[in-house]
Amino acid sequence: MYLYHYYDKKQQPFLNLSDLSVDEARSVLNKIKKEKPDTMAAKRSLSYVEDRLSFEGMLRDKFIEQGGIIKRRVPYYMVVEECVWLSSWFEDSAYIKIDVNEFDLRTVSFTYGDSHPTFSPRVNDGKEYRKKLYFYDDIIKLIDKYGLPQDWNADGKYGPERYIEAQIWSDETVLRYIKDCNFTKSHVIGHRS
């Protein structure tokens, strides 16, 4: 299994608004809305920063409760396997592809779908994976049962799940990719235009 991180080539990968103060995060989001109005990030609601922090708090608490290991306050985000739709979120899209075995799996959680709708009180369709966080072995079972959302729901017409999100609660593997400017060794990088 590979995990993918999509980002804009003009910026460093693995940036997370939640690493900033609330005011700084709002400022970044407002700048995106003005300078890149056609991107997915520009369409986020005014309460996005607060909502994001709330959902990340739920994820963190649930992961700790389930025995996960937290080595950073907020996660880095990746998705299970390629999701072409996510490349449309950025003007100059790129992705980093990392074998899941490069991570300490005790520091990786998964949601079947994006964590925001998965934990949102507004999504109440009774699907078994709502409000749940999974470890690697459990997400594999769910994939065996339902498949990858990007295969059966690429256009989103069957609900909010369009990919499986991976939350990375540790810096080790991610920092190797950020620091390695040439993306050498076993690192794989791909670009979409």
Protein backbone atom coordinates (compact mmCIF):
# COMPACT_ATOMS: atom_id res chain seq x y z
CA MET A 1 0.00 0.00 0.00
CA TYR A 2 1.18 3.51 -0.82
CA LEU A 3 0.22 6.76 0.84
CA TYR A 4 0.03 9.91 -1.27
CA HIS A 5 0.43 13.53 -0.26
CA TYR A 6 -0.83 16.12 -2.76
CA TYR A 7 0.48 19.67 -2.71
CA ASP A 8 1.28 22.70 -4.86
CA LYS A 9 4.78 22.54 -6.37
CA LYS A 10 5.29 26.20 -5.50
CA GLN A 11 5.22 25.33 -1.80
CA GLN A 12 6.84 22.88 0.54
CA PRO A 13 4.91 19.62 0.90
CA PHE A 14 3.25 18.59 4.17
CA LEU A 15 2.23 22.07 5.28
CA ASN A 16 -0.60 22.04 7.83
CA LEU A 17 -2.61 25.15 8.76
CA SER A 18 -2.98 23.71 12.25
CA ASP A 19 0.75 24.12 12.88
CA LEU A 20 0.03 27.88 12.88
CA SER A 21 -1.84 30.01 15.39
CA VAL A 22 -5.54 30.50 14.62
CA ASP A 23 -4.90 34.07 13.44
CA GLU A 24 -1.99 33.00 11.21
CA ALA A 25 -4.06 30.15 9.75
CA ARG A 26 -6.95 32.51 9.00
CA SER A 27 -4.52 34.93 7.36
CA VAL A 28 -3.12 32.16 5.12
CA LEU A 29 -6.62 31.03 4.18
CA ASN A 30 -7.68 34.61 3.36
CA LYS A 31 -4.57 35.06 1.22
CA ILE A 32 -5.44 31.87 -0.70
CA LYS A 33 -9.02 33.09 -1.19
CA LYS A 34 -7.72 36.35 -2.72
CA GLU A 35 -4.77 35.05 -4.74
CA LYS A 36 -6.06 31.63 -5.82
CA PRO A 37 -9.87 31.92 -5.87
CA ASP A 38 -10.33 28.88 -8.11
CA THR A 39 -8.57 26.41 -5.80
CA MET A 40 -10.34 24.06 -3.40
CA ALA A 41 -8.82 25.81 -0.36
CA ALA A 42 -10.37 29.12 -1.44
CA LYS A 43 -13.85 27.60 -1.18
CA ARG A 44 -13.51 26.69 2.51
CA SER A 45 -15.98 28.21 4.97
CA LEU A 46 -15.20 31.03 7.39
CA SER A 47 -15.27 28.54 10.28
CA TYR A 48 -12.84 26.14 8.57
CA VAL A 49 -9.86 26.80 10.88
CA GLU A 50 -11.89 26.29 14.06
CA ASP A 51 -13.67 23.24 12.58
CA ARG A 52 -10.34 21.74 11.56
CA LEU A 53 -8.86 22.19 15.05
CA SER A 54 -11.96 20.62 16.58
CA PHE A 55 -11.85 17.57 14.28
CA GLU A 56 -8.11 17.17 14.83
CA GLY A 57 -8.71 17.23 18.58
CA MET A 58 -11.30 14.45 18.17
CA LEU A 59 -8.89 12.42 16.04
CA ARG A 60 -6.03 12.89 18.51
CA ASP A 61 -8.18 11.94 21.53
CA LYS A 62 -9.63 8.90 19.81
CA PHE A 63 -6.23 7.72 18.56
CA ILE A 64 -4.72 8.00 22.06
CA GLU A 65 -7.76 6.22 23.51
CA GLN A 66 -7.26 3.37 21.00
CA GLY A 67 -3.56 3.03 21.89
CA GLY A 68 -2.02 5.05 19.07
CA ILE A 69 1.24 6.90 19.56
CA ILE A 70 1.17 10.68 19.15
CA LYS A 71 4.52 12.36 18.48
CA ARG A 72 3.17 15.65 17.11
CA ARG A 73 0.20 17.80 18.14
CA VAL A 74 -1.48 17.77 14.72
CA PRO A 75 -1.15 15.21 11.93
CA TYR A 76 0.24 15.37 8.46
CA TYR A 77 -2.36 14.27 5.92
CA MET A 78 -2.02 11.65 3.23
CA VAL A 79 -4.43 9.37 1.35
CA VAL A 80 -4.40 5.67 0.60
CA GLU A 81 -3.38 5.12 -3.04
CA GLU A 82 -3.71 7.60 -5.88
CA CYS A 83 -6.70 9.95 -5.99
CA VAL A 84 -6.70 11.97 -9.21
CA TRP A 85 -9.43 14.28 -7.87
CA LEU A 86 -7.05 15.61 -5.19
CA SER A 87 -4.59 16.76 -7.84
CA SER A 88 -7.33 19.16 -9.03
CA TRP A 89 -7.13 21.02 -5.70
CA PHE A 90 -3.90 22.78 -6.67
CA GLU A 91 -2.84 25.09 -9.48
CA ASP A 92 0.47 23.30 -10.00
CA SER A 93 -0.19 19.91 -8.47
CA ALA A 94 2.41 17.39 -7.36
CA TYR A 95 2.37 14.38 -5.10
CA ILE A 96 4.70 12.41 -2.91
CA LYS A 97 4.17 8.66 -2.78
CA ILE A 98 5.48 6.74 0.25
CA ASP A 99 5.23 3.04 1.00
CA VAL A 100 3.17 2.64 4.18
CA ASN A 101 5.89 0.37 5.57
CA GLU A 102 8.23 3.37 5.86
CA PHE A 103 6.08 4.61 8.76
CA ASP A 104 5.86 3.39 12.32
CA LEU A 105 2.26 2.19 11.92
CA ARG A 106 1.60 2.86 15.61
CA THR A 107 1.73 6.57 14.65
CA VAL A 108 -0.68 6.36 11.69
CA SER A 109 -4.46 6.48 11.89
CA PHE A 110 -6.99 6.21 9.06
CA THR A 111 -10.51 7.37 8.34
CA TYR A 112 -12.64 5.86 5.59
CA GLY A 113 -13.18 9.15 3.82
CA ASP A 114 -11.97 12.61 4.77
CA SER A 115 -11.84 13.04 8.56
CA HIS A 116 -14.03 16.17 8.48
CA PRO A 117 -17.22 14.58 7.10
CA THR A 118 -16.34 11.32 8.88
CA PHE A 119 -16.60 13.08 12.26
CA SER A 120 -19.01 15.87 11.32
CA PRO A 121 -22.32 15.94 13.22
CA ARG A 122 -23.90 17.01 9.90
CA VAL A 123 -23.21 13.62 8.26
CA ASN A 124 -25.59 11.04 9.74
CA ASP A 125 -26.10 8.38 7.09
CA GLY A 126 -25.54 5.40 9.40
CA LYS A 127 -22.52 4.05 7.52
CA GLU A 128 -20.42 1.84 9.78
CA TYR A 129 -17.25 3.89 9.32
CA ARG A 130 -18.70 7.23 10.49
CA LYS A 131 -17.12 8.63 13.68
CA LYS A 132 -14.47 5.86 13.58
CA LEU A 133 -10.72 5.87 13.41
CA TYR A 134 -8.76 2.85 12.23
CA PHE A 135 -5.31 1.33 12.54
CA TYR A 136 -3.62 -0.14 9.46
CA ASP A 137 -4.87 -3.74 9.91
CA ASP A 138 -8.44 -2.53 10.37
CA ILE A 139 -8.44 -0.19 7.37
CA ILE A 140 -7.20 -3.08 5.22
CA LYS A 141 -10.29 -5.08 6.28
CA LEU A 142 -12.55 -2.12 5.45
CA ILE A 143 -10.89 -1.75 2.03
CA ASP A 144 -11.45 -5.46 1.41
CA LYS A 145 -15.12 -4.96 2.30
CA TYR A 146 -15.88 -1.68 0.47
CA GLY A 147 -12.97 -0.99 -1.87
CA LEU A 148 -11.29 2.37 -2.34
CA PRO A 149 -13.73 5.33 -2.43
CA GLN A 150 -11.86 6.85 -5.39
CA ASP A 151 -12.83 3.74 -7.37
CA TRP A 152 -16.57 3.67 -6.56
CA ASN A 153 -17.17 7.36 -5.80
CA ALA A 154 -14.72 9.33 -7.93
CA ASP A 155 -17.25 12.09 -8.62
CA GLY A 156 -18.70 12.21 -5.08
CA LYS A 157 -22.26 11.38 -6.08
CA TYR A 158 -22.53 8.56 -3.51
CA GLY A 159 -21.48 10.59 -0.47
CA PRO A 160 -18.58 12.58 0.96
CA GLU A 161 -16.04 9.75 0.98
CA ARG A 162 -13.79 10.07 -2.07
CA TYR A 163 -10.57 8.67 -0.59
CA ILE A 164 -9.24 7.11 2.59
CA GLU A 165 -7.37 9.63 4.70
CA ALA A 166 -4.22 8.74 6.63
CA GLN A 167 -3.23 10.91 9.57
CA ILE A 168 0.51 10.78 10.29
CA TRP A 169 1.21 11.60 13.96
CA SER A 170 5.01 11.60 13.73
CA ASP A 171 7.69 13.67 11.99
CA GLU A 172 10.33 11.03 11.24
CA THR A 173 9.35 9.73 7.81
CA VAL A 174 7.80 12.99 6.61
CA LEU A 175 10.87 15.05 7.51
CA ARG A 176 13.08 12.71 5.47
CA TYR A 177 10.99 13.60 2.42
CA ILE A 178 10.91 17.32 3.17
CA LYS A 179 14.66 17.53 3.84
CA ASP A 180 15.66 15.43 0.87
CA CYS A 181 15.51 18.10 -1.82
CA ASN A 182 16.34 15.65 -4.58
CA PHE A 183 13.86 13.02 -3.39
CA THR A 184 16.50 10.33 -3.76
CA LYS A 185 16.85 6.83 -2.29
CA SER A 186 13.49 5.01 -2.25
CA HIS A 187 11.55 8.27 -2.40
CA VAL A 188 9.09 8.61 -5.23
CA ILE A 189 7.71 11.90 -6.46
CA GLY A 190 5.22 12.45 -9.22
CA HIS A 191 3.80 15.52 -10.89
CA ARG A 192 0.50 16.27 -12.53
CA SER A 193 -0.12 19.30 -14.66
